[in-house]
Amino acid sequence: MGQAIVVASVCLGEDAWLALDEFARACGVEQSFVEELMLDGLIAPSRREPALGFGGEELARARRILRLQRDFGANLQCAAVMLDLIDEVERLRAQLRRAELVID
């Protein structure tokens, strides 16, 4: 029998927000997991009033954390450190590109 591949995407504009339940659904997790990410300081809502709202950056960060957990079996703290290191490497590469010192 063939293997099914499910692809899901969420496109958010600059002024679009996902409520907590929508955000959890977009990540494929329970709301309690999103709340744990917030408590640990790994994500923060972009908007708090009139209700919590999450934008595209938070969604991308949460999904990256979930991939790190899945792919490497990392707990939240390890995933956060890994994500910070990945972000730093990307920032440094961008800085090298701007300085035209890109080394492939």
N, C-alpha and C. Protein backbone atom coordinates (compact mmCIF):
# COMPACT_ATOMS: atom_id res chain seq x y z
N MET A 1 0.83 -1.18 0.00
CA MET A 1 0.00 0.00 0.00
C MET A 1 0.88 1.25 0.00
N GLY A 2 0.47 2.32 -0.67
CA GLY A 2 1.24 3.55 -0.76
C GLY A 2 1.27 4.32 0.55
N GLN A 3 2.25 5.18 0.66
CA GLN A 3 2.41 5.99 1.85
C GLN A 3 1.76 7.35 1.63
N ALA A 4 0.97 7.79 2.59
CA ALA A 4 0.29 9.09 2.49
C ALA A 4 1.18 10.17 3.07
N ILE A 5 1.28 11.27 2.38
CA ILE A 5 2.03 12.42 2.87
C ILE A 5 1.05 13.57 3.03
N VAL A 6 1.01 14.13 4.23
CA VAL A 6 0.11 15.24 4.51
C VAL A 6 0.94 16.50 4.64
N VAL A 7 0.59 17.49 3.86
CA VAL A 7 1.29 18.77 3.91
C VAL A 7 0.30 19.81 4.41
N ALA A 8 0.70 20.53 5.45
CA ALA A 8 -0.17 21.57 6.00
C ALA A 8 0.61 22.87 6.03
N SER A 9 -0.07 23.95 5.72
CA SER A 9 0.58 25.25 5.79
C SER A 9 -0.41 26.29 6.28
N VAL A 10 0.16 27.32 6.87
CA VAL A 10 -0.63 28.44 7.34
C VAL A 10 0.07 29.69 6.85
N CYS A 11 -0.64 30.52 6.12
CA CYS A 11 -0.07 31.75 5.60
C CYS A 11 -0.66 32.91 6.39
N LEU A 12 0.20 33.65 7.05
CA LEU A 12 -0.25 34.79 7.86
C LEU A 12 0.32 36.07 7.29
N GLY A 13 -0.54 37.05 7.12
CA GLY A 13 -0.09 38.37 6.72
C GLY A 13 0.44 39.12 7.92
N GLU A 14 0.94 40.32 7.69
CA GLU A 14 1.52 41.10 8.79
C GLU A 14 0.51 41.41 9.89
N ASP A 15 -0.74 41.58 9.53
CA ASP A 15 -1.75 41.94 10.52
C ASP A 15 -2.65 40.77 10.89
N ALA A 16 -2.25 39.57 10.53
CA ALA A 16 -3.06 38.39 10.85
C ALA A 16 -2.55 37.74 12.12
N TRP A 17 -3.47 37.28 12.94
CA TRP A 17 -3.12 36.66 14.21
C TRP A 17 -3.88 35.36 14.38
N LEU A 18 -3.25 34.42 15.02
CA LEU A 18 -3.93 33.18 15.38
C LEU A 18 -4.23 33.22 16.87
N ALA A 19 -5.45 32.86 17.22
CA ALA A 19 -5.80 32.73 18.63
C ALA A 19 -5.08 31.49 19.18
N LEU A 20 -5.06 31.34 20.48
CA LEU A 20 -4.35 30.24 21.12
C LEU A 20 -4.78 28.88 20.56
N ASP A 21 -6.08 28.65 20.45
CA ASP A 21 -6.55 27.35 19.94
C ASP A 21 -6.17 27.15 18.47
N GLU A 22 -6.24 28.22 17.66
CA GLU A 22 -5.85 28.13 16.26
C GLU A 22 -4.35 27.87 16.13
N PHE A 23 -3.58 28.54 16.97
CA PHE A 23 -2.13 28.37 16.97
C PHE A 23 -1.76 26.94 17.32
N ALA A 24 -2.39 26.40 18.35
CA ALA A 24 -2.13 25.01 18.75
C ALA A 24 -2.47 24.06 17.62
N ARG A 25 -3.62 24.28 16.97
CA ARG A 25 -4.02 23.43 15.84
C ARG A 25 -3.02 23.52 14.69
N ALA A 26 -2.55 24.74 14.40
CA ALA A 26 -1.58 24.95 13.32
C ALA A 26 -0.26 24.24 13.61
N CYS A 27 0.06 24.09 14.88
CA CYS A 27 1.29 23.38 15.28
C CYS A 27 1.06 21.88 15.44
N GLY A 28 -0.20 21.48 15.51
CA GLY A 28 -0.52 20.07 15.72
C GLY A 28 -0.30 19.61 17.14
N VAL A 29 -0.50 20.53 18.10
CA VAL A 29 -0.28 20.21 19.51
C VAL A 29 -1.49 20.65 20.33
N GLU A 30 -1.49 20.26 21.58
CA GLU A 30 -2.53 20.70 22.52
C GLU A 30 -2.22 22.12 22.99
N GLN A 31 -3.24 22.84 23.42
CA GLN A 31 -3.05 24.20 23.94
C GLN A 31 -2.10 24.20 25.12
N SER A 32 -2.12 23.16 25.93
CA SER A 32 -1.25 23.10 27.11
C SER A 32 0.23 23.13 26.70
N PHE A 33 0.55 22.55 25.54
CA PHE A 33 1.94 22.58 25.06
C PHE A 33 2.33 24.00 24.68
N VAL A 34 1.44 24.72 24.03
CA VAL A 34 1.71 26.12 23.67
C VAL A 34 1.89 26.94 24.94
N GLU A 35 1.06 26.70 25.93
CA GLU A 35 1.19 27.41 27.20
C GLU A 35 2.52 27.10 27.87
N GLU A 36 2.99 25.85 27.75
CA GLU A 36 4.30 25.48 28.29
C GLU A 36 5.42 26.22 27.57
N LEU A 37 5.30 26.34 26.25
CA LEU A 37 6.29 27.11 25.49
C LEU A 37 6.34 28.56 25.96
N MET A 38 5.15 29.13 26.23
CA MET A 38 5.10 30.51 26.71
C MET A 38 5.70 30.63 28.11
N LEU A 39 5.35 29.70 29.00
CA LEU A 39 5.88 29.73 30.37
C LEU A 39 7.40 29.61 30.40
N ASP A 40 7.94 28.80 29.48
CA ASP A 40 9.39 28.62 29.41
C ASP A 40 10.08 29.76 28.67
N GLY A 41 9.30 30.71 28.15
CA GLY A 41 9.87 31.85 27.45
C GLY A 41 10.36 31.53 26.05
N LEU A 42 9.90 30.42 25.48
CA LEU A 42 10.35 30.02 24.15
C LEU A 42 9.58 30.72 23.04
N ILE A 43 8.35 31.08 23.31
CA ILE A 43 7.57 31.90 22.40
C ILE A 43 6.80 32.92 23.23
N ALA A 44 6.42 33.99 22.60
CA ALA A 44 5.61 35.01 23.26
C ALA A 44 4.56 35.48 22.27
N PRO A 45 3.34 35.68 22.73
CA PRO A 45 2.32 36.16 21.80
C PRO A 45 2.69 37.55 21.28
N SER A 46 2.37 37.79 20.03
CA SER A 46 2.63 39.10 19.43
C SER A 46 1.61 40.13 19.90
N ARG A 47 0.48 39.62 20.34
CA ARG A 47 -0.61 40.50 20.76
C ARG A 47 -1.23 39.89 22.01
N ARG A 48 -1.57 40.75 22.96
CA ARG A 48 -2.19 40.27 24.19
C ARG A 48 -3.62 40.77 24.36
N GLU A 49 -3.96 41.84 23.70
CA GLU A 49 -5.29 42.42 23.83
C GLU A 49 -5.96 42.51 22.47
N PRO A 50 -7.19 42.23 22.33
CA PRO A 50 -8.16 41.84 23.34
C PRO A 50 -7.98 40.39 23.79
N ALA A 51 -7.23 39.60 23.02
CA ALA A 51 -6.94 38.22 23.41
C ALA A 51 -5.55 37.89 22.88
N LEU A 52 -4.98 36.80 23.37
CA LEU A 52 -3.67 36.39 22.88
C LEU A 52 -3.72 36.18 21.38
N GLY A 53 -2.69 36.65 20.70
CA GLY A 53 -2.59 36.47 19.27
C GLY A 53 -1.16 36.13 18.88
N PHE A 54 -1.01 35.14 18.03
CA PHE A 54 0.31 34.69 17.60
C PHE A 54 0.47 34.93 16.12
N GLY A 55 1.63 35.46 15.74
CA GLY A 55 1.91 35.74 14.34
C GLY A 55 2.77 34.66 13.71
N GLY A 56 3.20 34.94 12.51
CA GLY A 56 3.98 34.00 11.73
C GLY A 56 5.32 33.65 12.34
N GLU A 57 5.99 34.62 12.96
CA GLU A 57 7.29 34.35 13.57
C GLU A 57 7.17 33.35 14.71
N GLU A 58 6.14 33.51 15.53
CA GLU A 58 5.94 32.57 16.64
C GLU A 58 5.60 31.18 16.12
N LEU A 59 4.79 31.15 15.06
CA LEU A 59 4.40 29.87 14.48
C LEU A 59 5.64 29.15 13.94
N ALA A 60 6.48 29.86 13.21
CA ALA A 60 7.69 29.26 12.67
C ALA A 60 8.60 28.77 13.79
N ARG A 61 8.74 29.56 14.84
CA ARG A 61 9.60 29.17 15.97
C ARG A 61 9.06 27.93 16.67
N ALA A 62 7.77 27.90 16.93
CA ALA A 62 7.17 26.74 17.60
C ALA A 62 7.33 25.48 16.75
N ARG A 63 7.13 25.61 15.46
CA ARG A 63 7.28 24.45 14.58
C ARG A 63 8.73 23.98 14.52
N ARG A 64 9.67 24.90 14.57
CA ARG A 64 11.08 24.50 14.59
C ARG A 64 11.40 23.76 15.88
N ILE A 65 10.86 24.23 16.99
CA ILE A 65 11.07 23.54 18.27
C ILE A 65 10.51 22.12 18.19
N LEU A 66 9.33 21.99 17.64
CA LEU A 66 8.71 20.66 17.51
C LEU A 66 9.55 19.74 16.61
N ARG A 67 10.10 20.29 15.53
CA ARG A 67 10.95 19.46 14.65
C ARG A 67 12.21 19.02 15.36
N LEU A 68 12.82 19.92 16.14
CA LEU A 68 14.02 19.55 16.89
C LEU A 68 13.71 18.46 17.91
N GLN A 69 12.57 18.57 18.54
CA GLN A 69 12.16 17.53 19.49
C GLN A 69 11.96 16.20 18.78
N ARG A 70 11.26 16.24 17.66
CA ARG A 70 10.96 15.01 16.92
C ARG A 70 12.23 14.40 16.33
N ASP A 71 13.05 15.22 15.66
CA ASP A 71 14.21 14.70 14.94
C ASP A 71 15.35 14.28 15.85
N PHE A 72 15.51 14.96 16.98
CA PHE A 72 16.66 14.69 17.85
C PHE A 72 16.26 14.20 19.24
N GLY A 73 14.98 14.10 19.51
CA GLY A 73 14.54 13.67 20.83
C GLY A 73 14.90 14.67 21.92
N ALA A 74 15.02 15.95 21.54
CA ALA A 74 15.43 16.99 22.47
C ALA A 74 14.28 17.40 23.38
N ASN A 75 14.59 17.64 24.65
CA ASN A 75 13.58 18.21 25.52
C ASN A 75 13.47 19.71 25.19
N LEU A 76 12.54 20.40 25.83
CA LEU A 76 12.32 21.81 25.49
C LEU A 76 13.55 22.67 25.70
N GLN A 77 14.26 22.45 26.79
CA GLN A 77 15.44 23.27 27.08
C GLN A 77 16.53 23.04 26.02
N CYS A 78 16.76 21.78 25.65
CA CYS A 78 17.75 21.48 24.61
C CYS A 78 17.32 22.05 23.26
N ALA A 79 16.05 21.91 22.94
CA ALA A 79 15.54 22.44 21.68
C ALA A 79 15.72 23.96 21.64
N ALA A 80 15.51 24.61 22.77
CA ALA A 80 15.66 26.07 22.82
C ALA A 80 17.12 26.48 22.58
N VAL A 81 18.05 25.75 23.18
CA VAL A 81 19.47 26.05 22.98
C VAL A 81 19.85 25.80 21.52
N MET A 82 19.39 24.68 20.97
CA MET A 82 19.68 24.36 19.57
C MET A 82 19.12 25.44 18.65
N LEU A 83 17.90 25.89 18.93
CA LEU A 83 17.28 26.92 18.10
C LEU A 83 18.04 28.23 18.20
N ASP A 84 18.48 28.59 19.40
CA ASP A 84 19.28 29.81 19.56
C ASP A 84 20.58 29.72 18.76
N LEU A 85 21.22 28.56 18.77
CA LEU A 85 22.46 28.39 18.01
C LEU A 85 22.20 28.46 16.51
N ILE A 86 21.13 27.85 16.06
CA ILE A 86 20.76 27.91 14.64
C ILE A 86 20.49 29.35 14.23
N ASP A 87 19.75 30.09 15.06
CA ASP A 87 19.45 31.49 14.78
C ASP A 87 20.73 32.32 14.71
N GLU A 88 21.68 32.03 15.60
CA GLU A 88 22.94 32.77 15.62
C GLU A 88 23.75 32.48 14.36
N VAL A 89 23.79 31.23 13.93
CA VAL A 89 24.51 30.88 12.70
C VAL A 89 23.87 31.61 11.52
N GLU A 90 22.55 31.63 11.45
CA GLU A 90 21.86 32.33 10.36
C GLU A 90 22.16 33.83 10.39
N ARG A 91 22.19 34.40 11.60
CA ARG A 91 22.49 35.83 11.72
C ARG A 91 23.92 36.12 11.25
N LEU A 92 24.87 35.27 11.63
CA LEU A 92 26.26 35.46 11.23
C LEU A 92 26.44 35.27 9.72
N ARG A 93 25.74 34.30 9.15
CA ARG A 93 25.81 34.10 7.70
C ARG A 93 25.26 35.32 6.96
N ALA A 94 24.17 35.88 7.46
CA ALA A 94 23.60 37.08 6.84
C ALA A 94 24.58 38.24 6.93
N GLN A 95 25.26 38.34 8.06
CA GLN A 95 26.25 39.40 8.24
C GLN A 95 27.41 39.22 7.25
N LEU A 96 27.85 37.98 7.05
CA LEU A 96 28.90 37.71 6.07
C LEU A 96 28.44 38.05 4.65
N ARG A 97 27.20 37.73 4.33
CA ARG A 97 26.67 38.06 3.00
C ARG A 97 26.66 39.56 2.79
N ARG A 98 26.21 40.30 3.81
CA ARG A 98 26.17 41.77 3.68
C ARG A 98 27.57 42.34 3.50
N ALA A 99 28.56 41.73 4.15
CA ALA A 99 29.94 42.18 4.03
C ALA A 99 30.61 41.60 2.79
N GLU A 100 29.86 40.81 2.02
CA GLU A 100 30.35 40.16 0.81
C GLU A 100 31.54 39.26 1.11
N LEU A 101 31.49 38.57 2.23
CA LEU A 101 32.53 37.64 2.63
C LEU A 101 32.03 36.21 2.70
N VAL A 102 31.06 35.91 1.86
CA VAL A 102 30.43 34.58 1.88
C VAL A 102 31.44 33.53 1.48
N ILE A 103 31.56 32.51 2.31
CA ILE A 103 32.45 31.38 2.03
C ILE A 103 31.58 30.16 1.88
N ASP A 104 31.60 29.53 0.73
CA ASP A 104 30.77 28.33 0.49
C ASP A 104 31.55 27.08 0.75
